[in-house]
Protein backbone atom coordinates (compact mmCIF):
# COMPACT_ATOMS: atom_id res chain seq x y z
CA MET A 1 62.68 98.12 139.83
CA GLY A 2 62.55 94.56 140.97
CA GLU A 3 65.15 91.77 140.91
CA PHE A 4 68.63 92.80 139.70
CA SER A 5 71.73 90.51 140.42
CA VAL A 6 75.07 89.52 139.29
CA VAL A 7 76.87 86.21 140.23
CA SER A 8 80.22 84.97 139.20
CA ALA A 9 80.84 81.27 138.98
CA GLY A 10 84.65 80.18 138.66
CA VAL A 11 88.01 81.58 139.60
CA ILE A 12 90.31 83.69 137.22
CA ILE A 13 93.82 82.21 137.61
CA SER A 14 96.51 84.47 136.52
CA GLY A 15 99.03 82.96 134.35
CA ALA A 16 96.98 80.18 133.18
CA SER A 17 94.04 79.63 130.87
CA SER A 18 90.98 80.18 132.90
CA SER A 19 87.47 81.95 132.93
CA SER A 20 84.56 82.71 135.09
CA LYS A 21 80.91 82.68 133.85
CA VAL A 22 79.11 85.82 135.08
CA THR A 23 75.37 85.67 135.08
CA ILE A 24 73.30 88.86 135.22
CA THR A 25 69.64 88.61 135.94
CA SER A 26 66.86 91.17 136.23
CA ALA A 27 62.97 91.43 136.35
CA THR A 28 63.04 94.10 133.61
CA PRO A 29 65.09 94.47 130.48
CA ARG A 30 68.50 96.22 130.87
CA THR A 31 71.64 96.91 129.09
CA VAL A 32 74.72 97.01 131.33
CA ASP A 33 78.25 97.40 131.57
CA LEU A 34 80.23 94.73 133.68
CA GLU A 35 83.16 96.21 135.77
CA MET A 36 85.48 94.84 138.48
CA ASP A 37 86.98 97.26 141.01
CA VAL A 38 90.66 96.87 142.00
CA ASN A 39 91.74 98.90 144.98
CA GLY A 40 89.18 101.67 144.09
CA SER A 41 90.05 101.60 140.31
CA PRO A 42 87.38 100.39 137.72
CA HIS A 43 88.53 97.62 135.41
CA THR A 44 85.91 97.17 132.59
CA LEU A 45 85.13 93.45 131.92
CA GLN A 46 82.55 93.85 129.24
CA THR A 47 80.47 96.78 127.75
CA HIS A 48 76.86 97.03 126.58
CA VAL A 49 75.57 93.56 127.63
CA VAL A 50 71.89 93.26 126.51
CA LEU A 51 69.78 91.10 128.93
CA SER A 52 67.37 88.89 127.09
CA TRP A 53 64.04 87.49 128.09
CA VAL A 54 64.30 83.66 129.36
CA ALA A 55 60.93 82.09 129.58
CA SER A 56 61.91 79.15 131.78
CA ILE A 57 62.77 81.56 134.74
CA SER A 58 60.39 84.36 133.61
CA LYS A 59 63.16 86.97 133.86
CA TYR A 60 65.68 88.67 131.76
CA GLN A 61 69.24 87.30 131.77
CA ALA A 62 72.69 87.53 130.02
CA GLY A 63 75.88 85.44 130.68
CA VAL A 64 79.36 86.72 130.17
CA LEU A 65 82.33 84.37 129.95
CA VAL A 66 85.32 86.48 131.47
CA GLN A 67 88.61 85.18 130.63
CA ASN A 68 92.08 85.83 132.14
CA ILE A 69 93.35 87.14 128.84
CA ASN A 70 91.26 90.17 129.48
CA SER A 71 93.57 93.12 129.87
CA ALA A 72 91.48 94.09 132.90
CA PHE A 73 93.38 91.43 134.89
CA ASP A 74 96.80 92.67 133.83
CA GLY A 75 98.78 93.28 137.33
CA VAL A 76 95.76 92.04 139.36
CA GLY A 77 96.95 89.87 142.31
CA PRO A 78 95.15 87.11 144.12
CA GLY A 79 92.03 88.22 146.00
CA SER A 80 88.26 88.65 145.89
CA TYR A 81 87.16 91.75 144.16
CA PRO A 82 83.86 93.79 144.06
CA LEU A 83 81.88 93.03 140.88
CA SER A 84 79.25 95.21 139.55
CA ALA A 85 76.83 95.34 136.64
CA VAL A 86 75.69 98.90 135.93
CA ASP A 87 72.47 99.80 134.14
CA LEU A 88 73.32 102.29 131.28
CA ARG A 89 70.05 103.94 131.50
CA THR A 90 69.42 104.20 135.12
CA SER A 91 72.93 103.84 136.78
CA GLU A 92 71.58 101.17 139.07
CA GLU A 93 74.07 98.65 140.18
CA ALA A 94 73.97 94.98 141.02
CA LEU A 95 76.93 93.91 143.18
CA SER A 96 78.79 90.86 143.86
CA THR A 97 82.56 89.64 143.83
CA ILE A 98 84.86 87.90 141.30
CA ALA A 99 87.79 85.79 142.54
CA VAL A 100 91.43 86.04 141.10
CA SER A 101 93.90 83.46 142.14
CA ASP A 102 97.47 82.58 141.32
CA GLY A 103 96.61 78.90 141.68
CA VAL A 104 98.53 78.44 144.91
CA HIS A 105 96.47 77.44 147.81
CA SER A 106 97.13 78.61 151.34
CA SER A 107 94.52 76.56 153.36
CA ALA A 108 91.90 73.98 152.72
CA THR A 109 88.77 72.67 154.85
CA LEU A 110 86.89 69.44 154.64
CA THR A 111 83.36 69.61 156.02
CA LEU A 112 80.88 66.99 156.47
CA ASP A 113 77.12 67.36 156.42
CA ALA A 114 76.57 65.77 159.88
CA THR A 115 78.46 64.68 163.17
CA GLU A 116 76.61 61.34 163.48
CA TYR A 117 76.01 58.85 160.76
CA PHE A 118 74.09 55.40 160.70
CA PRO A 119 75.63 52.93 158.25
CA SER A 120 72.59 50.62 158.24
CA VAL A 121 71.08 51.21 154.58
CA ASP A 122 67.73 52.89 155.22
CA GLY A 123 68.13 56.32 153.51
CA TYR A 124 68.93 58.11 156.67
CA ARG A 125 72.51 59.50 157.03
CA ASP A 126 74.01 56.31 155.55
CA VAL A 127 76.03 58.33 153.28
CA ILE A 128 78.48 61.23 154.13
CA ALA A 129 78.38 64.23 151.83
CA ALA A 130 82.07 65.57 152.05
CA THR A 131 82.77 69.14 150.77
CA LEU A 132 86.19 70.34 149.99
CA SER A 133 86.89 74.15 149.93
CA VAL A 134 90.51 75.32 148.77
CA LEU A 135 91.43 79.09 149.56
CA GLY A 136 94.41 81.33 148.64
CA ALA A 137 96.56 83.69 150.83
CA SER A 138 94.01 86.42 150.40
CA ASN A 139 91.13 84.12 151.32
CA GLU A 140 90.00 83.93 147.54
CA ALA A 141 88.80 80.56 146.29
CA VAL A 142 91.59 78.45 144.53
CA PRO A 143 90.67 76.08 141.70
CA PHE A 144 91.80 72.64 142.16
CA SER A 145 92.19 69.52 139.96
CA ALA A 146 90.41 66.20 140.76
CA GLY A 147 90.94 65.05 144.45
CA GLN A 148 89.68 62.20 146.46
CA ALA A 149 88.00 61.71 149.93
CA SER A 150 88.15 58.36 152.00
CA ILE A 151 87.14 57.08 155.27
CA THR A 152 88.44 53.78 156.95
CA VAL A 153 86.98 51.85 159.86
CA GLY A 154 89.13 48.57 160.63
CA ALA A 155 89.43 46.85 157.24
CA LYS A 156 86.60 48.59 155.70
CA THR A 157 87.35 51.73 153.35
CA ALA A 158 85.06 53.89 151.29
CA ARG A 159 86.21 56.38 148.68
CA CYS A 160 84.72 58.98 146.57
CA THR A 161 86.17 61.31 143.84
CA PHE A 162 86.03 65.28 143.72
CA ALA A 163 85.48 66.69 140.20
CA ALA A 164 87.82 69.35 139.15
CA SER A 165 86.48 72.49 140.55
CA SER A 166 87.03 76.20 139.05
CA SER A 167 85.29 77.59 141.87
CA GLY A 168 87.46 76.01 144.50
CA VAL A 169 84.71 74.01 146.15
CA ALA A 170 83.43 70.43 145.34
CA THR A 171 81.37 67.73 146.98
CA CYS A 172 81.44 63.90 146.85
CA ASN A 173 79.44 61.06 148.65
CA LEU A 174 80.99 58.43 150.78
CA ASN A 175 78.83 55.26 151.08
CA LEU A 176 78.78 53.68 154.49
CA LYS A 177 77.26 50.49 153.89
CA GLY A 178 78.76 47.58 155.85
CA PHE A 179 80.75 49.92 158.04
CA SER A 180 81.04 49.00 161.83
CA PRO A 181 79.90 51.54 164.43
CA THR A 182 82.60 53.69 166.03
CA ASP A 183 82.67 56.73 168.25
CA GLU A 184 85.46 58.42 166.57
CA VAL A 185 86.45 58.57 162.90
CA THR A 186 87.64 61.27 160.34
CA VAL A 187 87.33 61.57 156.59
CA THR A 188 90.47 62.46 154.84
CA ALA A 189 90.84 64.24 151.35
CA ASN A 190 93.79 64.87 148.91
CA PHE A 191 93.86 67.33 146.16
CA THR A 192 95.96 69.28 143.70
CA ASP A 193 95.81 73.00 143.32
CA GLY A 194 95.78 75.17 140.25
CA ALA A 195 99.52 75.44 140.62
CA GLY A 196 100.05 71.71 140.65
CA ASN A 197 100.66 71.68 144.52
CA SER A 198 99.34 68.56 146.28
CA ASP A 199 97.98 68.56 149.75
CA THR A 200 95.99 66.51 152.26
CA VAL A 201 93.08 67.81 154.65
CA GLU A 202 91.23 65.98 157.54
CA SER A 203 87.73 66.53 158.63
CA GLN A 204 86.23 66.85 162.11
CA ILE A 205 85.69 63.78 164.24
CA VAL A 206 82.33 62.09 163.62
CA ALA A 207 80.55 58.95 164.96
CA LEU A 208 79.05 55.95 163.13
CA LEU A 209 76.22 54.78 165.14
CA THR A 210 73.87 51.76 165.03
CA THR A 211 70.34 52.00 163.87
CA GLN A 212 68.29 50.37 166.69
CA ILE A 213 65.36 50.74 168.81
CA THR A 214 66.38 52.08 172.18
CA SER A 215 63.11 51.61 174.18
CA ALA A 216 59.58 50.44 173.47
CA SER A 217 56.51 50.29 175.65
CA ILE A 218 52.71 49.52 175.32
CA SER A 219 49.65 50.26 177.63
CA ARG A 220 46.04 50.43 177.61
CA ASP A 221 43.58 53.25 178.18
CA VAL A 222 41.21 51.17 180.39
CA PRO A 223 41.86 48.06 182.38
CA THR A 224 38.54 46.27 181.38
CA VAL A 225 36.80 46.15 178.17
CA PHE A 226 33.14 45.07 177.65
CA PRO A 227 32.75 43.97 174.02
CA ALA A 228 28.74 43.61 174.18
CA SER A 229 28.31 46.29 171.85
CA ASP A 230 26.03 48.23 174.16
CA GLY A 231 28.00 51.66 173.92
CA TYR A 232 29.87 51.01 177.24
CA ILE A 233 33.56 50.58 176.89
CA ASP A 234 33.09 48.35 173.83
CA THR A 235 36.70 48.71 172.78
CA VAL A 236 40.11 49.41 174.31
CA GLN A 237 42.90 51.58 172.95
CA LEU A 238 46.38 50.31 173.24
CA PRO A 239 48.86 53.29 172.90
CA PHE A 240 52.57 52.24 172.13
CA THR A 241 55.80 54.25 171.92
CA MET A 242 59.10 53.66 170.48
CA GLU A 243 62.45 55.50 170.90
CA THR A 244 65.29 55.18 168.31
CA SER A 245 69.10 55.92 168.11
CA THR A 246 68.29 58.23 165.16
CA GLY A 247 65.64 60.08 166.93
CA ARG A 248 63.26 59.39 163.97
CA SER A 249 61.20 56.47 162.59
CA ILE A 250 63.22 53.51 161.32
CA PRO A 251 62.12 50.41 159.57
CA LEU A 252 61.62 47.17 162.05
CA THR A 253 63.10 44.02 161.04
CA LYS A 254 60.80 42.48 163.64
CA GLY A 255 57.56 44.30 164.81
CA SER A 256 54.21 43.35 165.97
CA ILE A 257 51.40 43.72 168.61
CA THR A 258 49.86 40.66 169.67
CA VAL A 259 46.72 40.11 171.93
CA LYS A 260 46.86 36.69 173.81
CA LEU A 261 44.52 34.71 176.11
CA GLY A 262 47.05 32.29 177.50
CA THR A 263 49.01 30.96 174.45
CA LYS A 264 46.10 31.57 171.94
CA VAL A 265 46.31 34.58 169.71
CA ALA A 266 43.05 36.59 169.64
CA GLN A 267 44.36 39.68 167.53
CA THR A 268 47.74 40.64 165.98
CA TRP A 269 48.97 43.75 164.03
CA PRO A 270 52.35 43.63 162.16
CA LEU A 271 54.39 46.78 162.46
CA THR A 272 56.93 47.76 159.77
CA LYS A 273 58.22 51.12 161.24
CA SER A 274 58.97 52.39 164.61
CA ALA A 275 56.24 54.86 165.72
CA SER A 276 54.22 56.45 168.62
CA SER A 277 50.72 55.46 167.80
CA TYR A 278 47.91 53.25 169.10
CA LYS A 279 45.84 50.27 168.02
CA THR A 280 42.17 49.82 168.90
CA TRP A 281 40.92 46.20 169.86
CA ASN A 282 37.28 45.30 169.88
CA GLY A 283 37.88 42.74 172.75
CA LEU A 284 36.82 39.72 170.84
CA ASN A 285 38.51 36.51 170.41
CA GLY A 286 37.52 34.65 167.18
CA GLY A 287 34.56 36.97 166.84
CA LYS A 288 33.10 36.18 170.24
CA ILE A 289 33.32 37.33 173.73
CA VAL A 290 35.60 35.12 175.68
CA PRO A 291 36.11 36.38 179.12
CA GLY A 292 39.52 36.37 180.67
CA SER A 293 42.76 38.32 181.28
CA TYR A 294 44.48 39.11 178.05
CA THR A 295 48.17 39.86 177.53
CA ILE A 296 49.22 42.59 175.16
CA VAL A 297 52.67 42.05 173.66
CA LEU A 298 54.64 44.59 171.86
CA VAL A 299 57.75 43.36 169.90
CA ALA A 300 60.19 45.68 168.21
CA GLN A 301 63.66 45.40 166.58
CA GLY A 302 65.39 47.70 164.12
CA ALA A 303 67.99 46.74 161.80
CA GLU A 304 70.66 46.57 164.56
CA GLY A 305 70.60 46.13 168.25
CA ARG A 306 68.38 44.09 170.43
CA SER A 307 64.78 43.19 170.33
CA PHE A 308 62.35 45.12 172.84
CA THR A 309 59.28 43.46 174.28
CA SER A 310 56.65 45.23 176.48
CA THR A 311 53.42 43.90 177.84
CA ALA A 312 50.21 45.18 179.30
CA VAL A 313 47.19 43.40 180.63
CA VAL A 314 43.54 43.93 179.50
CA VAL A 315 40.52 42.08 181.20
CA VAL A 316 37.65 41.06 178.93
CA SER A 317 34.16 40.93 180.67
CA ASN A 318 30.95 39.56 179.37
CA LYS A 319 28.88 41.89 181.40
CA LYS A 320 26.79 44.43 179.55
CA LEU A 321 24.45 47.32 180.36
CA THR A 322 21.01 46.67 181.01
CA THR A 323 18.12 49.04 181.75
CA LYS A 324 16.72 49.03 185.32
CA THR A 325 14.21 50.81 187.31
CA THR A 326 13.99 51.57 190.98
CA THR A 327 10.91 52.97 192.55
CA VAL A 328 10.52 54.63 195.97
CA SER A 329 7.20 55.89 197.51
CA TYR A 330 6.72 58.57 200.04
CA THR A 331 3.63 59.94 201.96
CA GLY A 332 2.66 63.42 201.22
CA LYS A 333 4.09 64.52 204.35
CA GLU A 334 7.39 62.86 203.64
CA ALA A 335 7.49 64.43 200.34
CA PHE A 336 7.05 68.13 201.48
CA ARG A 337 7.80 68.31 205.06
CA TYR A 338 9.53 71.85 205.14
CA TYR A 339 8.43 75.05 203.91
CA TYR A 340 9.67 78.47 202.81
CA SER A 341 7.11 81.33 203.25
CA ASP A 342 5.87 84.36 205.32
CA ASP A 343 2.66 82.36 205.59
CA SER A 344 3.12 79.91 208.21
CA THR A 345 -0.14 78.05 207.38
CA ALA A 346 0.70 77.37 203.65
CA CYS A 347 2.33 74.01 204.15
CA GLN A 348 0.02 71.70 206.47
CA TYR A 349 -0.48 68.04 206.89
CA ASP A 350 -3.59 65.93 207.45
CA GLY A 351 -2.22 62.72 208.78
CA THR A 352 0.31 61.44 206.23
CA SER A 353 -1.02 63.65 203.34
CA PHE A 354 0.06 67.04 202.41
CA TYR A 355 -2.21 70.11 202.40
CA GLY A 356 -1.24 73.21 200.76
CA TYR A 357 -3.28 76.41 201.06
CA THR A 358 -2.46 80.20 200.15
CA TYR A 359 -4.74 83.14 200.16
CA TYR A 360 -3.20 86.44 199.55
CA ILE A 361 -0.77 86.39 202.34
CA ASP A 362 2.54 85.01 200.64
CA SER A 363 3.43 82.39 198.14
CA ALA A 364 5.13 79.27 199.47
CA ILE A 365 7.50 76.49 198.36
CA CYS A 366 6.86 73.24 200.28
CA TYR A 367 9.70 70.86 200.07
CA SER A 368 11.86 67.80 201.04
CA TYR A 369 15.32 66.42 200.61
CA LEU A 370 15.00 62.83 199.56
CA ALA A 371 17.75 60.43 199.31
CA VAL A 372 18.78 58.84 196.00
CA PRO A 373 18.86 55.05 196.34
CA THR A 374 22.51 53.70 196.30
CA ALA A 375 21.86 51.52 193.21
CA VAL A 376 20.67 54.55 191.25
CA GLN A 377 23.69 56.36 192.33
CA ARG A 378 25.92 53.57 190.94
CA GLY A 379 24.02 54.06 187.59
CA TYR A 380 25.59 57.53 187.27
CA ALA A 381 28.71 55.90 185.91
CA ASN A 382 26.78 54.22 183.11
CA GLY A 383 25.04 57.31 181.76
CA ALA A 384 22.11 59.43 182.23
CA VAL A 385 19.71 58.68 185.20
CA GLN A 386 15.95 59.71 184.47
CA VAL A 387 13.30 60.18 186.99
CA LYS A 388 9.52 60.07 186.68
CA ALA A 389 7.10 61.34 189.63
CA THR A 390 3.61 60.15 190.31
CA LEU A 391 1.63 62.21 192.53
CA VAL A 392 -1.88 61.50 193.76
CA VAL A 393 -3.71 64.98 194.05
CA TYR A 394 -7.13 65.73 195.45
CA ASP A 395 -9.13 68.53 196.71
CA ASN A 396 -7.48 70.75 194.02
CA VAL A 397 -9.45 73.88 194.18
CA GLY A 398 -8.87 77.54 194.07
CA ASP A 399 -8.24 80.19 191.51
CA TYR A 400 -4.62 79.28 190.54
CA CYS A 401 -2.60 76.19 189.91
CA ALA A 402 0.21 74.97 192.29
CA SER A 403 3.21 73.43 190.48
CA PHE A 404 5.60 70.53 191.24
CA GLY A 405 9.32 70.28 190.57
CA ILE A 406 12.63 68.64 191.47
CA ASP A 407 15.56 70.94 191.82
CA GLU A 408 18.19 68.49 190.59
CA ALA A 409 16.13 67.26 187.57
CA SER A 410 16.45 68.72 184.07
CA GLY A 411 12.78 68.94 183.45
CA ALA A 412 10.65 72.13 183.96
CA ASP A 413 8.18 72.46 186.94
CA VAL A 414 4.76 70.91 186.03
CA ASP A 415 1.37 72.62 186.76
CA LEU A 416 -0.94 70.76 189.02
CA CYS A 417 -4.34 72.03 188.03
CA THR A 418 -6.68 69.05 188.37
CA ASN A 419 -7.28 66.08 190.82
CA GLY A 420 -6.06 62.42 190.27
CA THR A 421 -3.01 60.52 189.55
CA LYS A 422 -0.29 62.81 187.88
CA VAL A 423 2.61 60.92 186.15
CA LEU A 424 5.17 63.43 185.28
CA ASN A 425 8.58 62.92 183.33
CA MET A 426 10.97 65.11 185.22
CA GLY A 427 14.14 64.36 182.84
CA ARG A 428 17.74 63.73 184.08
CA ILE A 429 18.91 63.80 187.42
CA ALA A 430 22.12 65.67 187.94
CA SER A 431 24.98 63.18 188.01
CA GLY A 432 26.50 62.59 191.31
CA SER A 433 23.49 63.70 193.40
CA SER A 434 22.99 61.83 196.52
CA THR A 435 19.71 63.62 197.42
CA ILE A 436 17.05 65.52 195.40
CA GLN A 437 14.83 68.23 196.48
CA THR A 438 11.20 67.81 195.57
CA TYR A 439 8.89 70.66 196.01
CA ILE A 440 5.38 72.15 195.38
CA TYR A 441 5.10 75.95 194.67
CA LEU A 442 1.86 77.71 195.73
CA PRO A 443 1.24 81.05 194.24
CA TYR A 444 0.37 84.12 196.38
CA SER A 445 -3.37 84.14 195.13
CA TYR A 446 -5.77 81.64 196.32
CA THR A 447 -4.52 78.20 195.87
CA MET A 448 -5.42 74.72 197.51
CA LEU A 449 -4.54 70.99 197.06
CA ASN A 450 -3.70 67.88 198.88
CA VAL A 451 -1.36 65.34 197.95
CA ARG A 452 -1.72 61.80 199.33
CA SER A 453 1.53 60.41 198.00
CA LEU A 454 4.60 60.72 195.78
CA THR A 455 6.27 58.02 194.06
CA LEU A 456 9.67 58.42 192.25
CA THR A 457 10.79 56.02 189.63
CA TYR A 458 14.40 56.02 188.46
CA THR A 459 15.62 54.54 185.15
CA TYR A 460 19.33 53.86 184.89
CA LYS A 461 21.94 51.65 183.30
CA SER A 462 23.47 48.77 185.41
CA LEU A 463 26.31 46.75 184.43
CA GLY A 464 25.62 42.81 184.94
């Protein structure tokens, strides 16, 4: 059937002019009777209440003003009583409670919206919301006339006024601007209940704290930056963190990140709020590369408390990546000195030349492990290393082609089907390789060729 609810706002005070606004809400049209249960006996408050469509809430609703002159309250003592709206067609009920009081309070509480406050005016807990709740002997809400809350620290006092409350609950706000920090303070409230009795109640202990930075630090993601715009560590990230007494971001009265070479400022960023973030510096000083050791300085101060300073060091280098090549030459015997085959004659040598021959006995792999030059190995740190192979091939006869490959290279094997000088791009060398395996594959069928020499040309980036 959808939503069907009843809510009572206000307290009926016996023996005094009072009323309670009862609101009935439904997702469907209804006609209801409004009843109160007193110790198992129904007391009719209103009959045939018709709910009308309310466009602003897209629901059906009716309001009934229940007054203490209603005979249903005759002889009803203080307490909280079951309240029901009964659908006359379906007998469906919406349940709530309605409070009856004699106006005399038995207890009161003053609750605050936090236990820690920060008087510095920045919109975060610089106002105390104090809520006064007044109850009777049967734990029912007791209306009260206007009351007041106050807080005092040293010579400073703030006050706020509670509006008269027919529901026994009211809230007012205490502005803490100008208050000094203190570890222990309470809020006091006074009020007069519906029977004219005055009383005072005190809140729990709270603390007024400073709004300040409690720590700040800055670092860098690389120790050295190379601003030559060649794609190699052209920028440096400067991560920074700040902790605050509030546990959240606060405005800074003083805040900046400055990059200095000696006393000269190369870059600065103003900071207006505490944060954990980073800045990116391009390593330039006045738009130029000026080598040296730069100091990164973070300064942060909140509305209160001391200023924090943290530093880091970044070295700016004018080195840049350049493309270099290293060439190493090998004889055919050096390049293919081992074999893997059941044909022990497949991989042979004529002086310093390699001679490969298979004829229907077994295929063969003729190979060597060759050291990658140290300068080339250093190039792995700067990007991909490419390798080109140059072979001098002759006496290439037979029915099938041999093929050449490098096990650590990304390129595919290349067929060797003709004589002459073969220049073969073999792709990238696997980063970190200190040796590579060069090999010639000879098929099972009739294959023959000689290789006089192998030259490997490495292309890589070098920082200099």
